[in-house]
Amino acid sequence: MTDDRTDPSFTDEEYAFLRHVRFGELPRVARPEERVELTETEPRRDRPEPHDDPERWDLRHG
């Protein structure tokens, strides 16, 4: 069996246009002087403060 169908071949400019239509424009790049360094001020809180042994917390809520 042969496939008589031919897929369209796009140029680089046409692919660029299709990307622009689909995704829009990229956000502007932040310059180095606009960037800031972040410092965490508080520890992460993914678990409540343990009031008793942490192993018991795991057994109780695991």
N, C-alpha and C. Protein backbone atom coordinates (compact mmCIF):
# COMPACT_ATOMS: atom_id res chain seq x y z
N MET A 1 0.84 -1.19 0.00
CA MET A 1 0.00 0.00 0.00
C MET A 1 0.87 1.24 0.00
N THR A 2 0.50 2.16 -0.78
CA THR A 2 1.22 3.43 -0.82
C THR A 2 0.29 4.54 -0.38
N ASP A 3 0.87 5.54 0.18
CA ASP A 3 0.11 6.70 0.64
C ASP A 3 0.25 7.79 -0.40
N ASP A 4 -0.84 8.09 -1.11
CA ASP A 4 -0.81 9.11 -2.17
C ASP A 4 -0.96 10.52 -1.61
N ARG A 5 -1.23 10.62 -0.34
CA ARG A 5 -1.45 11.93 0.27
C ARG A 5 -0.11 12.61 0.50
N THR A 6 0.00 13.88 0.16
CA THR A 6 1.22 14.64 0.42
C THR A 6 0.92 15.68 1.49
N ASP A 7 1.74 15.72 2.50
CA ASP A 7 1.57 16.71 3.56
C ASP A 7 2.17 18.04 3.10
N PRO A 8 1.51 19.14 3.45
CA PRO A 8 2.06 20.44 3.04
C PRO A 8 3.38 20.70 3.76
N SER A 9 4.30 21.30 3.05
CA SER A 9 5.59 21.64 3.63
C SER A 9 5.62 23.15 3.82
N PHE A 10 5.91 23.58 5.03
CA PHE A 10 5.92 25.00 5.33
C PHE A 10 7.35 25.53 5.34
N THR A 11 7.47 26.81 5.06
CA THR A 11 8.77 27.46 5.16
C THR A 11 8.99 27.88 6.60
N ASP A 12 10.20 28.30 6.92
CA ASP A 12 10.50 28.76 8.29
C ASP A 12 9.64 29.96 8.65
N GLU A 13 9.41 30.85 7.71
CA GLU A 13 8.58 32.03 7.97
C GLU A 13 7.13 31.64 8.27
N GLU A 14 6.63 30.63 7.55
CA GLU A 14 5.26 30.18 7.79
C GLU A 14 5.14 29.49 9.15
N TYR A 15 6.14 28.69 9.51
CA TYR A 15 6.15 28.08 10.84
C TYR A 15 6.21 29.15 11.92
N ALA A 16 7.00 30.18 11.72
CA ALA A 16 7.09 31.27 12.70
C ALA A 16 5.74 31.96 12.84
N PHE A 17 5.05 32.19 11.73
CA PHE A 17 3.73 32.81 11.78
C PHE A 17 2.74 31.92 12.53
N LEU A 18 2.75 30.62 12.24
CA LEU A 18 1.84 29.71 12.92
C LEU A 18 2.11 29.65 14.43
N ARG A 19 3.39 29.68 14.83
CA ARG A 19 3.72 29.72 16.27
C ARG A 19 3.19 31.00 16.90
N HIS A 20 3.35 32.12 16.19
CA HIS A 20 2.88 33.40 16.72
C HIS A 20 1.36 33.39 16.87
N VAL A 21 0.64 32.84 15.90
CA VAL A 21 -0.81 32.76 15.97
C VAL A 21 -1.24 31.89 17.15
N ARG A 22 -0.54 30.78 17.34
CA ARG A 22 -0.94 29.84 18.39
C ARG A 22 -0.58 30.33 19.79
N PHE A 23 0.64 30.85 19.96
CA PHE A 23 1.13 31.18 21.30
C PHE A 23 1.20 32.67 21.59
N GLY A 24 1.12 33.51 20.59
CA GLY A 24 1.23 34.95 20.82
C GLY A 24 2.68 35.36 20.98
N GLU A 25 2.87 36.54 21.53
CA GLU A 25 4.23 37.05 21.70
C GLU A 25 4.82 36.60 23.03
N LEU A 26 6.11 36.42 23.04
CA LEU A 26 6.79 36.08 24.28
C LEU A 26 6.84 37.31 25.18
N PRO A 27 6.83 37.11 26.50
CA PRO A 27 6.99 38.26 27.39
C PRO A 27 8.40 38.84 27.23
N ARG A 28 8.53 40.11 27.52
CA ARG A 28 9.84 40.73 27.36
C ARG A 28 10.80 40.16 28.39
N VAL A 29 12.07 40.13 28.04
CA VAL A 29 13.10 39.56 28.89
C VAL A 29 13.46 40.55 29.99
N ALA A 30 13.56 40.06 31.22
CA ALA A 30 13.96 40.93 32.33
C ALA A 30 15.47 41.13 32.27
N ARG A 31 15.87 42.38 32.30
CA ARG A 31 17.30 42.69 32.24
C ARG A 31 17.93 42.38 33.61
N PRO A 32 19.23 42.14 33.65
CA PRO A 32 19.88 41.78 34.92
C PRO A 32 19.66 42.81 36.02
N GLU A 33 19.62 44.09 35.69
CA GLU A 33 19.42 45.10 36.74
C GLU A 33 17.98 45.12 37.25
N GLU A 34 17.04 44.48 36.53
CA GLU A 34 15.65 44.40 36.98
C GLU A 34 15.40 43.18 37.86
N ARG A 35 16.34 42.26 37.90
CA ARG A 35 16.16 41.03 38.67
C ARG A 35 16.52 41.27 40.12
N VAL A 36 15.86 40.56 41.01
CA VAL A 36 16.15 40.64 42.43
C VAL A 36 16.36 39.23 42.97
N GLU A 37 17.15 39.13 44.03
CA GLU A 37 17.36 37.84 44.67
C GLU A 37 16.34 37.69 45.79
N LEU A 38 15.66 36.56 45.81
CA LEU A 38 14.66 36.32 46.83
C LEU A 38 15.29 35.58 48.01
N THR A 39 14.87 35.95 49.20
CA THR A 39 15.33 35.29 50.40
C THR A 39 14.10 34.82 51.18
N GLU A 40 14.07 33.53 51.47
CA GLU A 40 12.96 32.99 52.25
C GLU A 40 13.06 33.53 53.67
N THR A 41 11.96 34.05 54.18
CA THR A 41 11.98 34.62 55.52
C THR A 41 11.46 33.66 56.58
N GLU A 42 10.62 32.72 56.19
CA GLU A 42 10.07 31.77 57.15
C GLU A 42 10.25 30.36 56.60
N PRO A 43 10.37 29.38 57.47
CA PRO A 43 10.49 27.99 56.99
C PRO A 43 9.20 27.54 56.32
N ARG A 44 9.34 26.56 55.45
CA ARG A 44 8.17 26.00 54.77
C ARG A 44 7.24 25.35 55.78
N ARG A 45 5.95 25.47 55.57
CA ARG A 45 4.98 24.88 56.49
C ARG A 45 4.13 23.85 55.76
N ASP A 46 4.72 22.68 55.47
CA ASP A 46 3.94 21.64 54.83
C ASP A 46 3.38 20.64 55.83
N ARG A 47 3.78 20.76 57.09
CA ARG A 47 3.24 19.94 58.16
C ARG A 47 2.98 20.84 59.36
N PRO A 48 1.96 20.51 60.16
CA PRO A 48 1.70 21.32 61.35
C PRO A 48 2.81 21.16 62.38
N GLU A 49 2.89 22.10 63.28
CA GLU A 49 3.87 22.04 64.36
C GLU A 49 3.62 20.79 65.18
N PRO A 50 4.62 19.95 65.38
CA PRO A 50 4.38 18.73 66.18
C PRO A 50 4.28 19.08 67.67
N HIS A 51 3.23 18.55 68.29
CA HIS A 51 3.06 18.74 69.73
C HIS A 51 3.58 17.54 70.50
N ASP A 52 3.84 16.48 69.76
CA ASP A 52 4.40 15.30 70.39
C ASP A 52 5.41 14.67 69.43
N ASP A 53 5.71 13.43 69.59
CA ASP A 53 6.72 12.74 68.81
C ASP A 53 6.34 12.69 67.32
N PRO A 54 7.24 13.10 66.40
CA PRO A 54 6.91 13.08 64.97
C PRO A 54 6.56 11.70 64.43
N GLU A 55 7.13 10.64 65.02
CA GLU A 55 6.79 9.29 64.56
C GLU A 55 5.33 8.97 64.86
N ARG A 56 4.84 9.42 65.98
CA ARG A 56 3.43 9.21 66.31
C ARG A 56 2.54 9.99 65.35
N TRP A 57 2.99 11.18 64.92
CA TRP A 57 2.22 11.97 63.96
C TRP A 57 2.09 11.19 62.66
N ASP A 58 3.18 10.55 62.18
CA ASP A 58 3.14 9.77 60.96
C ASP A 58 2.19 8.58 61.10
N LEU A 59 2.22 7.91 62.25
CA LEU A 59 1.35 6.75 62.45
C LEU A 59 -0.10 7.17 62.52
N ARG A 60 -0.36 8.30 63.14
CA ARG A 60 -1.73 8.76 63.31
C ARG A 60 -2.34 9.23 62.00
N HIS A 61 -1.56 9.93 61.16
CA HIS A 61 -2.09 10.57 59.96
C HIS A 61 -1.57 9.94 58.68
N GLY A 62 -0.85 8.84 58.76
CA GLY A 62 -0.23 8.24 57.60
C GLY A 62 -1.13 7.40 56.82
